Amino acid sequence: MSKNQLILDEEKYPIAWRFNSEDCLLSFDDKIKITFLDKNESECLWNSLFPFDHLMRMDSSFLSIIEKVKLDFCDLEISSVFFNEKLKNTSLVFFFWGKKSSAIVPVDIFLKSWSDFFYPSDETSILLLANKSKIIFSYEETFFYCGVVTQM
């Protein structure tokens, strides 16, 4: 097993394939710091936070867009400046890949490898900064930093 591999249970955690992938930028030690939630735990957490079933069905009254920026998945270092600014003074985030897949992620781990969490083709990924009532989501390479308006 290479230093970047950790075999996560893809049956229990559907998103684990991303982190089991050989091109995942995270080390074994990084991966074990992520707390993955199973389908039921993820769905319960999602339902307690979001009044919609899918990101693309979110009512515009739920949030206020603070910033919209295009990030380059081919230039991770420059694009990571956005996340460094937005996640300052935050230690943990909730990351959702849709309603039934989520994790509690230390910010330093996310910052090392944000492109292992967000994919350009995703339209279901949400990073929640619970302590700030802010979310970050993306559509292709456009990222939205938003304040939550509707009570979660």
C-alpha atoms as a PDB file:
ATOM      1  CA  MET A   1       0.000   0.000   0.000  1.00  0.00           C
ATOM      2  CA  SER A   2       1.418   3.400  -0.946  1.00  0.00           C
ATOM      3  CA  LYS A   3       1.622   6.192   1.608  1.00  0.00           C
ATOM      4  CA  ASN A   4      -1.425   7.915   0.109  1.00  0.00           C
ATOM      5  CA  GLN A   5      -3.711   4.896   0.213  1.00  0.00           C
ATOM      6  CA  LEU A   6      -6.217   3.973   2.844  1.00  0.00           C
ATOM      7  CA  ILE A   7      -8.917   1.558   1.937  1.00  0.00           C
ATOM      8  CA  LEU A   8     -12.159   3.093   3.119  1.00  0.00           C
ATOM      9  CA  ASP A   9     -15.346   1.055   3.045  1.00  0.00           C
ATOM     10  CA  GLU A  10     -17.046   2.191  -0.162  1.00  0.00           C
ATOM     11  CA  GLU A  11     -20.175   0.212   0.704  1.00  0.00           C
ATOM     12  CA  LYS A  12     -20.650   2.080   3.977  1.00  0.00           C
ATOM     13  CA  TYR A  13     -19.307   5.431   2.723  1.00  0.00           C
ATOM     14  CA  PRO A  14     -20.259   5.867  -0.961  1.00  0.00           C
ATOM     15  CA  ILE A  15     -17.889   8.795  -1.472  1.00  0.00           C
ATOM     16  CA  ALA A  16     -14.893   6.787  -0.234  1.00  0.00           C
ATOM     17  CA  TRP A  17     -13.858   5.987  -3.810  1.00  0.00           C
ATOM     18  CA  ARG A  18     -12.459   9.521  -4.077  1.00  0.00           C
ATOM     19  CA  PHE A  19     -10.189   8.969  -1.119  1.00  0.00           C
ATOM     20  CA  ASN A  20      -9.257   5.408  -2.120  1.00  0.00           C
ATOM     21  CA  SER A  21      -8.232   6.688  -5.544  1.00  0.00           C
ATOM     22  CA  GLU A  22      -4.521   6.602  -6.359  1.00  0.00           C
ATOM     23  CA  ASP A  23      -4.585  10.267  -7.339  1.00  0.00           C
ATOM     24  CA  CYS A  24      -5.925  11.388  -3.951  1.00  0.00           C
ATOM     25  CA  LEU A  25      -3.539  14.005  -2.572  1.00  0.00           C
ATOM     26  CA  LEU A  26      -4.050  13.037   1.072  1.00  0.00           C
ATOM     27  CA  SER A  27      -1.732  10.796   3.044  1.00  0.00           C
ATOM     28  CA  PHE A  28      -2.846   7.890   5.226  1.00  0.00           C
ATOM     29  CA  ASP A  29      -2.431  10.105   8.310  1.00  0.00           C
ATOM     30  CA  ASP A  30      -4.585  12.817   6.725  1.00  0.00           C
ATOM     31  CA  LYS A  31      -7.356  10.415   5.744  1.00  0.00           C
ATOM     32  CA  ILE A  32      -7.764   8.981   9.234  1.00  0.00           C
ATOM     33  CA  LYS A  33      -8.507  12.475  10.558  1.00  0.00           C
ATOM     34  CA  ILE A  34     -11.674  12.694   8.436  1.00  0.00           C
ATOM     35  CA  THR A  35     -14.855  11.436  10.105  1.00  0.00           C
ATOM     36  CA  PHE A  36     -17.095   9.962   7.431  1.00  0.00           C
ATOM     37  CA  LEU A  37     -20.799   9.622   8.172  1.00  0.00           C
ATOM     38  CA  ASP A  38     -22.809   6.730   6.790  1.00  0.00           C
ATOM     39  CA  LYS A  39     -25.913   7.184   4.631  1.00  0.00           C
ATOM     40  CA  ASN A  40     -28.361   7.403   7.540  1.00  0.00           C
ATOM     41  CA  GLU A  41     -26.181   9.730   9.617  1.00  0.00           C
ATOM     42  CA  SER A  42     -25.614  11.959   6.594  1.00  0.00           C
ATOM     43  CA  GLU A  43     -29.297  12.131   5.772  1.00  0.00           C
ATOM     44  CA  CYS A  44     -30.230  12.995   9.383  1.00  0.00           C
ATOM     45  CA  LEU A  45     -27.613  15.745   9.492  1.00  0.00           C
ATOM     46  CA  TRP A  46     -28.655  17.098   6.078  1.00  0.00           C
ATOM     47  CA  ASN A  47     -32.336  17.170   7.095  1.00  0.00           C
ATOM     48  CA  SER A  48     -31.498  19.061  10.282  1.00  0.00           C
ATOM     49  CA  LEU A  49     -29.581  21.717   8.318  1.00  0.00           C
ATOM     50  CA  PHE A  50     -31.077  22.129   4.870  1.00  0.00           C
ATOM     51  CA  PRO A  51     -34.706  22.717   3.817  1.00  0.00           C
ATOM     52  CA  PHE A  52     -34.138  21.118   0.387  1.00  0.00           C
ATOM     53  CA  ASP A  53     -33.305  17.623  -0.877  1.00  0.00           C
ATOM     54  CA  HIS A  54     -30.778  18.571  -3.560  1.00  0.00           C
ATOM     55  CA  LEU A  55     -28.493  21.563  -3.927  1.00  0.00           C
ATOM     56  CA  MET A  56     -29.972  22.430  -7.327  1.00  0.00           C
ATOM     57  CA  ARG A  57     -33.442  22.575  -5.743  1.00  0.00           C
ATOM     58  CA  MET A  58     -32.410  25.087  -3.088  1.00  0.00           C
ATOM     59  CA  ASP A  59     -34.715  28.092  -2.819  1.00  0.00           C
ATOM     60  CA  SER A  60     -32.861  31.362  -3.365  1.00  0.00           C
ATOM     61  CA  SER A  61     -34.309  32.693  -0.088  1.00  0.00           C
ATOM     62  CA  PHE A  62     -32.116  30.204   1.812  1.00  0.00           C
ATOM     63  CA  LEU A  63     -28.918  32.136   1.186  1.00  0.00           C
ATOM     64  CA  SER A  64     -27.301  35.369   0.160  1.00  0.00           C
ATOM     65  CA  ILE A  65     -24.349  35.175  -2.238  1.00  0.00           C
ATOM     66  CA  ILE A  66     -21.385  37.028  -0.746  1.00  0.00           C
ATOM     67  CA  GLU A  67     -18.812  36.094  -3.360  1.00  0.00           C
ATOM     68  CA  LYS A  68     -18.731  34.217  -6.651  1.00  0.00           C
ATOM     69  CA  VAL A  69     -15.373  33.148  -8.069  1.00  0.00           C
ATOM     70  CA  LYS A  70     -14.051  30.826 -10.761  1.00  0.00           C
ATOM     71  CA  LEU A  71     -11.353  28.443  -9.491  1.00  0.00           C
ATOM     72  CA  ASP A  72      -8.891  26.472 -11.559  1.00  0.00           C
ATOM     73  CA  PHE A  73      -8.732  22.760 -10.741  1.00  0.00           C
ATOM     74  CA  CYS A  74      -5.433  22.634 -12.649  1.00  0.00           C
ATOM     75  CA  ASP A  75      -3.802  25.291 -10.460  1.00  0.00           C
ATOM     76  CA  LEU A  76      -4.655  24.122  -6.964  1.00  0.00           C
ATOM     77  CA  GLU A  77      -2.188  26.360  -5.157  1.00  0.00           C
ATOM     78  CA  ILE A  78      -3.518  29.651  -6.523  1.00  0.00           C
ATOM     79  CA  SER A  79      -7.128  28.521  -6.185  1.00  0.00           C
ATOM     80  CA  SER A  80      -6.567  27.486  -2.566  1.00  0.00           C
ATOM     81  CA  VAL A  81      -6.192  31.174  -1.622  1.00  0.00           C
ATOM     82  CA  PHE A  82     -10.000  31.437  -1.810  1.00  0.00           C
ATOM     83  CA  PHE A  83     -10.454  28.626   0.710  1.00  0.00           C
ATOM     84  CA  ASN A  84      -7.685  29.892   2.997  1.00  0.00           C
ATOM     85  CA  GLU A  85      -9.461  33.247   3.264  1.00  0.00           C
ATOM     86  CA  LYS A  86     -12.942  31.826   3.787  1.00  0.00           C
ATOM     87  CA  LEU A  87     -11.935  29.148   6.295  1.00  0.00           C
ATOM     88  CA  LYS A  88      -9.749  31.364   8.459  1.00  0.00           C
ATOM     89  CA  ASN A  89     -10.420  30.821  12.199  1.00  0.00           C
ATOM     90  CA  THR A  90     -12.384  27.631  11.498  1.00  0.00           C
ATOM     91  CA  SER A  91     -11.112  24.254  12.673  1.00  0.00           C
ATOM     92  CA  LEU A  92     -13.738  21.832  11.316  1.00  0.00           C
ATOM     93  CA  VAL A  93     -16.248  21.881   8.476  1.00  0.00           C
ATOM     94  CA  PHE A  94     -19.107  19.646   7.438  1.00  0.00           C
ATOM     95  CA  PHE A  95     -18.754  18.521   3.849  1.00  0.00           C
ATOM     96  CA  PHE A  96     -21.700  17.061   1.944  1.00  0.00           C
ATOM     97  CA  TRP A  97     -21.668  15.208  -1.360  1.00  0.00           C
ATOM     98  CA  GLY A  98     -25.439  15.313  -1.564  1.00  0.00           C
ATOM     99  CA  LYS A  99     -27.938  14.261   1.060  1.00  0.00           C
ATOM    100  CA  LYS A 100     -26.606  10.769   1.775  1.00  0.00           C
ATOM    101  CA  SER A 101     -22.866  11.268   1.945  1.00  0.00           C
ATOM    102  CA  SER A 102     -20.964  13.563   4.282  1.00  0.00           C
ATOM    103  CA  ALA A 103     -17.937  13.981   6.506  1.00  0.00           C
ATOM    104  CA  ILE A 104     -16.590  16.121   9.300  1.00  0.00           C
ATOM    105  CA  VAL A 105     -13.294  17.440   8.008  1.00  0.00           C
ATOM    106  CA  PRO A 106     -10.472  19.293   9.761  1.00  0.00           C
ATOM    107  CA  VAL A 107      -9.859  22.504   7.824  1.00  0.00           C
ATOM    108  CA  ASP A 108      -6.127  21.878   7.486  1.00  0.00           C
ATOM    109  CA  ILE A 109      -6.885  18.551   5.762  1.00  0.00           C
ATOM    110  CA  PHE A 110      -9.434  20.160   3.444  1.00  0.00           C
ATOM    111  CA  LEU A 111      -6.985  22.928   2.522  1.00  0.00           C
ATOM    112  CA  LYS A 112      -4.288  20.384   1.580  1.00  0.00           C
ATOM    113  CA  SER A 113      -6.573  18.789  -0.940  1.00  0.00           C
ATOM    114  CA  TRP A 114      -9.742  20.760  -1.672  1.00  0.00           C
ATOM    115  CA  SER A 115      -9.929  19.209  -5.151  1.00  0.00           C
ATOM    116  CA  ASP A 116     -10.385  15.755  -3.605  1.00  0.00           C
ATOM    117  CA  PHE A 117     -13.602  17.095  -2.063  1.00  0.00           C
ATOM    118  CA  PHE A 118     -14.989  19.303  -4.838  1.00  0.00           C
ATOM    119  CA  TYR A 119     -15.006  17.959  -8.396  1.00  0.00           C
ATOM    120  CA  PRO A 120     -15.689  20.159 -11.454  1.00  0.00           C
ATOM    121  CA  SER A 121     -18.601  17.951 -12.520  1.00  0.00           C
ATOM    122  CA  ASP A 122     -20.334  18.030  -9.121  1.00  0.00           C
ATOM    123  CA  GLU A 123     -23.570  19.816  -8.504  1.00  0.00           C
ATOM    124  CA  THR A 124     -24.250  18.366  -5.071  1.00  0.00           C
ATOM    125  CA  SER A 125     -21.244  19.369  -2.938  1.00  0.00           C
ATOM    126  CA  ILE A 126     -21.660  21.745  -0.012  1.00  0.00           C
ATOM    127  CA  LEU A 127     -19.056  22.852   2.511  1.00  0.00           C
ATOM    128  CA  LEU A 128     -20.767  24.127   5.665  1.00  0.00           C
ATOM    129  CA  LEU A 129     -19.073  26.462   8.136  1.00  0.00           C
ATOM    130  CA  ALA A 130     -21.573  25.842  10.918  1.00  0.00           C
ATOM    131  CA  ASN A 131     -20.000  28.282  13.359  1.00  0.00           C
ATOM    132  CA  LYS A 132     -20.384  31.103  10.824  1.00  0.00           C
ATOM    133  CA  SER A 133     -23.694  30.181   9.116  1.00  0.00           C
ATOM    134  CA  LYS A 134     -21.879  30.185   5.780  1.00  0.00           C
ATOM    135  CA  ILE A 135     -21.695  27.654   2.965  1.00  0.00           C
ATOM    136  CA  ILE A 136     -19.505  27.171  -0.071  1.00  0.00           C
ATOM    137  CA  PHE A 137     -20.829  25.269  -3.045  1.00  0.00           C
ATOM    138  CA  SER A 138     -19.836  25.006  -6.667  1.00  0.00           C
ATOM    139  CA  TYR A 139     -21.238  24.602 -10.113  1.00  0.00           C
ATOM    140  CA  GLU A 140     -18.528  23.356 -12.453  1.00  0.00           C
ATOM    141  CA  GLU A 141     -15.554  25.670 -11.734  1.00  0.00           C
ATOM    142  CA  THR A 142     -17.627  28.498 -10.260  1.00  0.00           C
ATOM    143  CA  PHE A 143     -17.653  28.641  -6.472  1.00  0.00           C
ATOM    144  CA  PHE A 144     -20.172  30.496  -4.341  1.00  0.00           C
ATOM    145  CA  TYR A 145     -19.485  31.722  -0.810  1.00  0.00           C
ATOM    146  CA  CYS A 146     -22.844  32.422   0.795  1.00  0.00           C
ATOM    147  CA  GLY A 147     -24.431  33.487   4.032  1.00  0.00           C
ATOM    148  CA  VAL A 148     -27.342  31.392   5.220  1.00  0.00           C
ATOM    149  CA  VAL A 149     -30.417  33.627   5.467  1.00  0.00           C
ATOM    150  CA  THR A 150     -33.106  31.101   6.349  1.00  0.00           C
ATOM    151  CA  GLN A 151     -32.678  29.586   9.799  1.00  0.00           C
ATOM    152  CA  MET A 152     -31.009  26.184   9.524  1.00  0.00           C
END
